[in-house]
């Protein structure tokens, strides 16, 4: 009987320890091994956008030169709750959208390791609140608004909210794709779209320092959020 009770007690103890472990994110460990407080979940929300246009895009604006000091970087923009699916951050010649036609802001998660071995993580970056504060004192107009005309059927772009990993920080910025081809000349007489001449405008919104951590397993790209 004593053996059975001892087994039950150990099973209960293991269950309690397991539940306690679930309450601390596996990646939120400081350099000394102590847990870094996990920020509570940020709910999707509406906030101001460039030109108060109801849609925006989300993507990456990772420069090749900033990637030189980075061993690996991964991010997840929390469109879906309950889990994180970490995607690789890769550099590009220009900013690129990974999601388009968004109407809500979502929490952003980024984790990375520098080539000197230091690791960082940012969890639940409160993008809605950042945008509320930014647009209190900043205004960004889209191309057709500046030109005083309706949005063209082709060649006019919504704002692109982009992130970039730079050293020990994550940068949030708005990227506006501007088209030098006049709206009336973007489609020829045969109804075909002509080659556009575009350039980017960048507006830095925030620079956020990462939390130093250790022991991130970058091979585990799927994580359930409890």
C-alpha atoms as a PDB file:
ATOM      1  CA  UNK A   1       0.000   0.000   0.000  1.00  0.00           C
ATOM      2  CA  UNK A   2       2.852   2.333   0.905  1.00  0.00           C
ATOM      3  CA  UNK A   3       4.397   1.736  -2.512  1.00  0.00           C
ATOM      4  CA  UNK A   4       1.139   2.645  -4.276  1.00  0.00           C
ATOM      5  CA  UNK A   5       0.766   5.859  -2.254  1.00  0.00           C
ATOM      6  CA  UNK A   6       4.379   6.775  -2.981  1.00  0.00           C
ATOM      7  CA  UNK A   7       3.784   6.220  -6.727  1.00  0.00           C
ATOM      8  CA  UNK A   8       0.614   8.387  -6.634  1.00  0.00           C
ATOM      9  CA  UNK A   9       2.462  11.121  -4.758  1.00  0.00           C
ATOM     10  CA  UNK A  10       5.333  11.154  -7.247  1.00  0.00           C
ATOM     11  CA  UNK A  11       2.896  11.225 -10.181  1.00  0.00           C
ATOM     12  CA  UNK A  12       1.088  14.223  -8.679  1.00  0.00           C
ATOM     13  CA  UNK A  13       4.392  15.960  -8.014  1.00  0.00           C
ATOM     14  CA  UNK A  14       5.514  15.409 -11.598  1.00  0.00           C
ATOM     15  CA  UNK A  15       2.185  16.756 -12.866  1.00  0.00           C
ATOM     16  CA  UNK A  16       2.508  19.895 -10.735  1.00  0.00           C
ATOM     17  CA  UNK A  17       6.077  20.467 -11.862  1.00  0.00           C
ATOM     18  CA  UNK A  18       5.013  20.009 -15.463  1.00  0.00           C
ATOM     19  CA  UNK A  19       2.233  22.543 -15.110  1.00  0.00           C
ATOM     20  CA  UNK A  20       4.606  24.975 -13.474  1.00  0.00           C
ATOM     21  CA  UNK A  21       7.029  24.527 -16.329  1.00  0.00           C
ATOM     22  CA  UNK A  22       4.297  25.294 -18.848  1.00  0.00           C
ATOM     23  CA  UNK A  23       3.795  28.723 -17.331  1.00  0.00           C
ATOM     24  CA  UNK A  24       7.321  29.835 -18.309  1.00  0.00           C
ATOM     25  CA  UNK A  25       8.104  30.192 -22.002  1.00  0.00           C
ATOM     26  CA  UNK A  26      10.932  27.837 -22.914  1.00  0.00           C
ATOM     27  CA  UNK A  27      12.848  30.620 -24.663  1.00  0.00           C
ATOM     28  CA  UNK A  28      12.539  33.247 -21.916  1.00  0.00           C
ATOM     29  CA  UNK A  29      15.720  32.422 -20.031  1.00  0.00           C
ATOM     30  CA  UNK A  30      18.248  35.083 -19.160  1.00  0.00           C
ATOM     31  CA  UNK A  31      22.002  34.681 -19.630  1.00  0.00           C
ATOM     32  CA  UNK A  32      22.291  33.386 -16.058  1.00  0.00           C
ATOM     33  CA  UNK A  33      19.536  30.822 -16.661  1.00  0.00           C
ATOM     34  CA  UNK A  34      16.836  32.664 -14.712  1.00  0.00           C
ATOM     35  CA  UNK A  35      13.420  33.120 -16.362  1.00  0.00           C
ATOM     36  CA  UNK A  36      12.669  36.408 -18.092  1.00  0.00           C
ATOM     37  CA  UNK A  37       9.033  37.410 -17.358  1.00  0.00           C
ATOM     38  CA  UNK A  38       6.859  36.422 -20.306  1.00  0.00           C
ATOM     39  CA  UNK A  39       4.718  39.345 -21.497  1.00  0.00           C
ATOM     40  CA  UNK A  40       1.017  38.594 -21.529  1.00  0.00           C
ATOM     41  CA  UNK A  41      -0.699  37.993 -24.859  1.00  0.00           C
ATOM     42  CA  UNK A  42      -1.455  41.011 -27.023  1.00  0.00           C
ATOM     43  CA  UNK A  43      -4.844  40.894 -28.713  1.00  0.00           C
ATOM     44  CA  UNK A  44      -5.308  41.873 -32.360  1.00  0.00           C
ATOM     45  CA  UNK A  45      -6.664  45.407 -32.590  1.00  0.00           C
ATOM     46  CA  UNK A  46      -7.340  48.276 -34.932  1.00  0.00           C
ATOM     47  CA  UNK A  47      -5.217  51.408 -34.895  1.00  0.00           C
ATOM     48  CA  UNK A  48      -4.234  54.180 -37.278  1.00  0.00           C
ATOM     49  CA  UNK A  49      -2.584  53.312 -40.604  1.00  0.00           C
ATOM     50  CA  UNK A  50      -0.823  55.423 -43.256  1.00  0.00           C
ATOM     51  CA  UNK A  51      -3.413  57.683 -44.825  1.00  0.00           C
ATOM     52  CA  UNK A  52      -6.099  56.075 -42.627  1.00  0.00           C
ATOM     53  CA  UNK A  53      -6.455  53.556 -45.442  1.00  0.00           C
ATOM     54  CA  UNK A  54      -8.330  50.477 -44.098  1.00  0.00           C
ATOM     55  CA  UNK A  55      -5.739  47.986 -45.401  1.00  0.00           C
ATOM     56  CA  UNK A  56      -2.012  47.515 -44.990  1.00  0.00           C
ATOM     57  CA  UNK A  57       0.635  44.917 -45.826  1.00  0.00           C
ATOM     58  CA  UNK A  58       3.178  43.270 -43.546  1.00  0.00           C
ATOM     59  CA  UNK A  59       6.632  42.024 -44.406  1.00  0.00           C
ATOM     60  CA  UNK A  60      10.424  42.093 -44.075  1.00  0.00           C
ATOM     61  CA  UNK A  61      12.879  44.908 -44.708  1.00  0.00           C
ATOM     62  CA  UNK A  62      16.145  43.130 -43.897  1.00  0.00           C
ATOM     63  CA  UNK A  63      19.247  44.708 -45.413  1.00  0.00           C
ATOM     64  CA  UNK A  64      22.162  42.530 -46.491  1.00  0.00           C
ATOM     65  CA  UNK A  65      24.651  44.624 -44.520  1.00  0.00           C
ATOM     66  CA  UNK A  66      22.643  44.237 -41.289  1.00  0.00           C
ATOM     67  CA  UNK A  67      22.449  40.488 -41.847  1.00  0.00           C
ATOM     68  CA  UNK A  68      26.231  40.131 -41.832  1.00  0.00           C
ATOM     69  CA  UNK A  69      26.377  40.137 -38.005  1.00  0.00           C
ATOM     70  CA  UNK A  70      23.413  37.743 -37.629  1.00  0.00           C
ATOM     71  CA  UNK A  71      23.812  33.974 -37.477  1.00  0.00           C
ATOM     72  CA  UNK A  72      20.074  33.217 -37.580  1.00  0.00           C
ATOM     73  CA  UNK A  73      16.869  35.195 -37.068  1.00  0.00           C
ATOM     74  CA  UNK A  74      13.251  34.045 -36.982  1.00  0.00           C
ATOM     75  CA  UNK A  75       9.935  35.855 -36.595  1.00  0.00           C
ATOM     76  CA  UNK A  76       6.203  35.287 -36.359  1.00  0.00           C
ATOM     77  CA  UNK A  77       3.454  37.872 -36.860  1.00  0.00           C
ATOM     78  CA  UNK A  78       0.599  36.535 -34.743  1.00  0.00           C
ATOM     79  CA  UNK A  79      -2.275  36.419 -37.186  1.00  0.00           C
ATOM     80  CA  UNK A  80      -3.315  33.099 -35.638  1.00  0.00           C
ATOM     81  CA  UNK A  81      -3.510  32.738 -31.863  1.00  0.00           C
ATOM     82  CA  UNK A  82      -2.498  29.743 -29.778  1.00  0.00           C
ATOM     83  CA  UNK A  83       0.787  28.985 -31.501  1.00  0.00           C
ATOM     84  CA  UNK A  84       3.836  30.478 -33.125  1.00  0.00           C
ATOM     85  CA  UNK A  85       5.288  29.233 -36.386  1.00  0.00           C
ATOM     86  CA  UNK A  86       8.750  30.780 -36.595  1.00  0.00           C
ATOM     87  CA  UNK A  87       9.807  31.771 -40.120  1.00  0.00           C
ATOM     88  CA  UNK A  88      13.361  32.530 -41.246  1.00  0.00           C
ATOM     89  CA  UNK A  89      14.330  36.188 -41.618  1.00  0.00           C
ATOM     90  CA  UNK A  90      16.165  36.609 -44.923  1.00  0.00           C
ATOM     91  CA  UNK A  91      17.685  39.721 -46.502  1.00  0.00           C
ATOM     92  CA  UNK A  92      16.494  41.299 -49.705  1.00  0.00           C
ATOM     93  CA  UNK A  93      17.297  44.146 -52.055  1.00  0.00           C
ATOM     94  CA  UNK A  94      14.017  45.844 -51.163  1.00  0.00           C
ATOM     95  CA  UNK A  95      11.285  45.377 -48.583  1.00  0.00           C
ATOM     96  CA  UNK A  96       8.917  42.517 -49.393  1.00  0.00           C
ATOM     97  CA  UNK A  97       5.386  41.788 -48.218  1.00  0.00           C
ATOM     98  CA  UNK A  98       4.488  38.416 -46.740  1.00  0.00           C
ATOM     99  CA  UNK A  99       0.869  39.338 -45.912  1.00  0.00           C
ATOM    100  CA  UNK A 100      -1.414  41.780 -47.725  1.00  0.00           C
ATOM    101  CA  UNK A 101      -4.855  43.240 -47.165  1.00  0.00           C
ATOM    102  CA  UNK A 102      -4.632  43.212 -43.354  1.00  0.00           C
ATOM    103  CA  UNK A 103      -7.122  45.264 -41.346  1.00  0.00           C
ATOM    104  CA  UNK A 104      -5.965  44.528 -37.789  1.00  0.00           C
ATOM    105  CA  UNK A 105      -2.584  44.777 -36.090  1.00  0.00           C
ATOM    106  CA  UNK A 106      -1.187  41.631 -34.493  1.00  0.00           C
ATOM    107  CA  UNK A 107       1.586  40.904 -31.962  1.00  0.00           C
ATOM    108  CA  UNK A 108       5.053  40.435 -33.461  1.00  0.00           C
ATOM    109  CA  UNK A 109       7.564  37.887 -32.104  1.00  0.00           C
ATOM    110  CA  UNK A 110      11.237  37.893 -33.122  1.00  0.00           C
ATOM    111  CA  UNK A 111      14.187  35.796 -31.919  1.00  0.00           C
ATOM    112  CA  UNK A 112      17.744  35.818 -33.195  1.00  0.00           C
ATOM    113  CA  UNK A 113      21.368  34.873 -32.581  1.00  0.00           C
ATOM    114  CA  UNK A 114      24.337  37.036 -33.524  1.00  0.00           C
ATOM    115  CA  UNK A 115      27.549  35.571 -34.877  1.00  0.00           C
ATOM    116  CA  UNK A 116      29.273  36.461 -31.586  1.00  0.00           C
ATOM    117  CA  UNK A 117      26.943  33.951 -29.850  1.00  0.00           C
ATOM    118  CA  UNK A 118      24.560  36.362 -28.145  1.00  0.00           C
ATOM    119  CA  UNK A 119      20.861  35.477 -28.382  1.00  0.00           C
ATOM    120  CA  UNK A 120      17.840  37.760 -28.089  1.00  0.00           C
ATOM    121  CA  UNK A 121      14.066  37.471 -28.136  1.00  0.00           C
ATOM    122  CA  UNK A 122      11.129  39.858 -28.274  1.00  0.00           C
ATOM    123  CA  UNK A 123       7.719  38.380 -27.555  1.00  0.00           C
ATOM    124  CA  UNK A 124       4.321  39.962 -28.030  1.00  0.00           C
ATOM    125  CA  UNK A 125       5.545  43.273 -29.392  1.00  0.00           C
ATOM    126  CA  UNK A 126       2.430  45.388 -28.950  1.00  0.00           C
ATOM    127  CA  UNK A 127       2.105  46.656 -32.512  1.00  0.00           C
ATOM    128  CA  UNK A 128      -1.388  48.195 -32.030  1.00  0.00           C
ATOM    129  CA  UNK A 129      -0.205  50.340 -29.117  1.00  0.00           C
ATOM    130  CA  UNK A 130       2.989  51.350 -30.914  1.00  0.00           C
ATOM    131  CA  UNK A 131       0.934  52.554 -33.879  1.00  0.00           C
ATOM    132  CA  UNK A 132      -1.499  54.475 -31.678  1.00  0.00           C
ATOM    133  CA  UNK A 133       1.405  56.378 -30.148  1.00  0.00           C
ATOM    134  CA  UNK A 134       3.226  56.903 -33.434  1.00  0.00           C
ATOM    135  CA  UNK A 135       0.277  58.395 -35.283  1.00  0.00           C
ATOM    136  CA  UNK A 136      -0.480  60.815 -32.461  1.00  0.00           C
ATOM    137  CA  UNK A 137       2.401  62.960 -33.703  1.00  0.00           C
ATOM    138  CA  UNK A 138       3.100  61.606 -37.204  1.00  0.00           C
ATOM    139  CA  UNK A 139       1.160  61.582 -40.441  1.00  0.00           C
ATOM    140  CA  UNK A 140       1.876  59.501 -43.540  1.00  0.00           C
ATOM    141  CA  UNK A 141      -0.083  60.104 -46.736  1.00  0.00           C
ATOM    142  CA  UNK A 142      -0.313  57.553 -49.513  1.00  0.00           C
ATOM    143  CA  UNK A 143       0.585  58.455 -53.081  1.00  0.00           C
ATOM    144  CA  UNK A 144      -2.901  59.017 -54.462  1.00  0.00           C
ATOM    145  CA  UNK A 145      -3.770  61.157 -51.438  1.00  0.00           C
ATOM    146  CA  UNK A 146      -0.762  63.393 -52.065  1.00  0.00           C
ATOM    147  CA  UNK A 147      -1.725  63.706 -55.729  1.00  0.00           C
ATOM    148  CA  UNK A 148      -5.357  64.530 -54.874  1.00  0.00           C
ATOM    149  CA  UNK A 149      -6.958  61.721 -56.887  1.00  0.00           C
ATOM    150  CA  UNK A 150      -8.793  58.431 -56.280  1.00  0.00           C
ATOM    151  CA  UNK A 151      -6.756  55.281 -55.786  1.00  0.00           C
ATOM    152  CA  UNK A 152      -5.788  53.895 -59.190  1.00  0.00           C
ATOM    153  CA  UNK A 153      -6.885  50.405 -60.209  1.00  0.00           C
ATOM    154  CA  UNK A 154      -3.239  49.412 -60.694  1.00  0.00           C
ATOM    155  CA  UNK A 155       0.081  50.776 -59.490  1.00  0.00           C
ATOM    156  CA  UNK A 156      -0.995  52.352 -56.194  1.00  0.00           C
ATOM    157  CA  UNK A 157       0.133  50.587 -53.034  1.00  0.00           C
ATOM    158  CA  UNK A 158      -1.073  50.410 -49.457  1.00  0.00           C
ATOM    159  CA  UNK A 159       1.442  50.969 -46.661  1.00  0.00           C
ATOM    160  CA  UNK A 160       3.850  48.123 -45.874  1.00  0.00           C
ATOM    161  CA  UNK A 161       4.609  47.610 -42.187  1.00  0.00           C
ATOM    162  CA  UNK A 162       8.044  46.006 -42.147  1.00  0.00           C
ATOM    163  CA  UNK A 163      10.475  44.781 -39.493  1.00  0.00           C
ATOM    164  CA  UNK A 164      14.241  44.472 -39.534  1.00  0.00           C
ATOM    165  CA  UNK A 165      16.731  42.859 -37.139  1.00  0.00           C
ATOM    166  CA  UNK A 166      19.709  45.129 -36.528  1.00  0.00           C
ATOM    167  CA  UNK A 167      22.291  44.106 -33.928  1.00  0.00           C
ATOM    168  CA  UNK A 168      20.547  43.721 -30.577  1.00  0.00           C
ATOM    169  CA  UNK A 169      17.352  45.462 -31.726  1.00  0.00           C
ATOM    170  CA  UNK A 170      14.302  45.091 -33.933  1.00  0.00           C
ATOM    171  CA  UNK A 171      13.225  48.018 -36.077  1.00  0.00           C
ATOM    172  CA  UNK A 172       9.611  48.659 -37.068  1.00  0.00           C
ATOM    173  CA  UNK A 173       9.097  50.894 -40.072  1.00  0.00           C
ATOM    174  CA  UNK A 174       6.559  51.892 -42.671  1.00  0.00           C
ATOM    175  CA  UNK A 175       7.635  51.412 -46.274  1.00  0.00           C
ATOM    176  CA  UNK A 176       5.700  53.221 -49.003  1.00  0.00           C
ATOM    177  CA  UNK A 177       6.143  52.071 -52.595  1.00  0.00           C
ATOM    178  CA  UNK A 178       5.916  55.157 -54.814  1.00  0.00           C
ATOM    179  CA  UNK A 179       5.251  54.882 -58.557  1.00  0.00           C
ATOM    180  CA  UNK A 180       6.834  57.459 -60.866  1.00  0.00           C
ATOM    181  CA  UNK A 181       4.537  56.424 -63.742  1.00  0.00           C
ATOM    182  CA  UNK A 182       1.417  58.653 -63.750  1.00  0.00           C
ATOM    183  CA  UNK A 183      -1.775  56.779 -62.912  1.00  0.00           C
ATOM    184  CA  UNK A 184      -3.273  57.422 -66.370  1.00  0.00           C
ATOM    185  CA  UNK A 185      -0.235  55.882 -68.111  1.00  0.00           C
ATOM    186  CA  UNK A 186       0.104  52.599 -66.185  1.00  0.00           C
ATOM    187  CA  UNK A 187      -2.079  50.690 -68.672  1.00  0.00           C
ATOM    188  CA  UNK A 188      -1.513  51.034 -72.418  1.00  0.00           C
ATOM    189  CA  UNK A 189      -4.106  51.260 -75.205  1.00  0.00           C
ATOM    190  CA  UNK A 190      -4.279  47.466 -75.434  1.00  0.00           C
ATOM    191  CA  UNK A 191      -5.172  47.243 -71.753  1.00  0.00           C
ATOM    192  CA  UNK A 192      -1.793  45.816 -70.735  1.00  0.00           C
ATOM    193  CA  UNK A 193       0.062  47.052 -67.673  1.00  0.00           C
ATOM    194  CA  UNK A 194       3.243  48.880 -68.612  1.00  0.00           C
ATOM    195  CA  UNK A 195       6.560  48.541 -66.788  1.00  0.00           C
ATOM    196  CA  UNK A 196       6.494  50.673 -63.649  1.00  0.00           C
ATOM    197  CA  UNK A 197       9.264  52.814 -62.195  1.00  0.00           C
ATOM    198  CA  UNK A 198       8.999  52.570 -58.405  1.00  0.00           C
ATOM    199  CA  UNK A 199      11.025  53.550 -55.367  1.00  0.00           C
ATOM    200  CA  UNK A 200      10.611  53.123 -51.599  1.00  0.00           C
ATOM    201  CA  UNK A 201      10.090  55.684 -48.857  1.00  0.00           C
ATOM    202  CA  UNK A 202      10.901  54.512 -45.319  1.00  0.00           C
ATOM    203  CA  UNK A 203       9.550  55.881 -42.030  1.00  0.00           C
ATOM    204  CA  UNK A 204      11.124  54.515 -38.857  1.00  0.00           C
ATOM    205  CA  UNK A 205       8.447  53.876 -36.222  1.00  0.00           C
ATOM    206  CA  UNK A 206      10.320  52.188 -33.362  1.00  0.00           C
ATOM    207  CA  UNK A 207      13.632  50.625 -32.389  1.00  0.00           C
ATOM    208  CA  UNK A 208      13.106  47.955 -29.722  1.00  0.00           C
ATOM    209  CA  UNK A 209      15.954  46.382 -27.745  1.00  0.00           C
ATOM    210  CA  UNK A 210      15.843  42.589 -27.559  1.00  0.00           C
ATOM    211  CA  UNK A 211      15.832  40.656 -24.288  1.00  0.00           C
ATOM    212  CA  UNK A 212      19.116  38.722 -23.850  1.00  0.00           C
ATOM    213  CA  UNK A 213      18.444  34.977 -23.552  1.00  0.00           C
ATOM    214  CA  UNK A 214      20.297  31.709 -23.939  1.00  0.00           C
ATOM    215  CA  UNK A 215      19.670  28.219 -25.224  1.00  0.00           C
ATOM    216  CA  UNK A 216      17.161  28.944 -27.981  1.00  0.00           C
ATOM    217  CA  UNK A 217      16.556  25.867 -30.125  1.00  0.00           C
ATOM    218  CA  UNK A 218      16.098  27.455 -33.534  1.00  0.00           C
ATOM    219  CA  UNK A 219      15.344  24.054 -35.070  1.00  0.00           C
ATOM    220  CA  UNK A 220      11.979  24.019 -33.234  1.00  0.00           C
ATOM    221  CA  UNK A 221       9.959  26.302 -35.439  1.00  0.00           C
ATOM    222  CA  UNK A 222       6.495  25.389 -34.159  1.00  0.00           C
ATOM    223  CA  UNK A 223       5.516  26.332 -30.612  1.00  0.00           C
ATOM    224  CA  UNK A 224       2.190  26.092 -28.789  1.00  0.00           C
ATOM    225  CA  UNK A 225       1.457  29.172 -26.661  1.00  0.00           C
ATOM    226  CA  UNK A 226      -0.178  28.269 -23.371  1.00  0.00           C
END
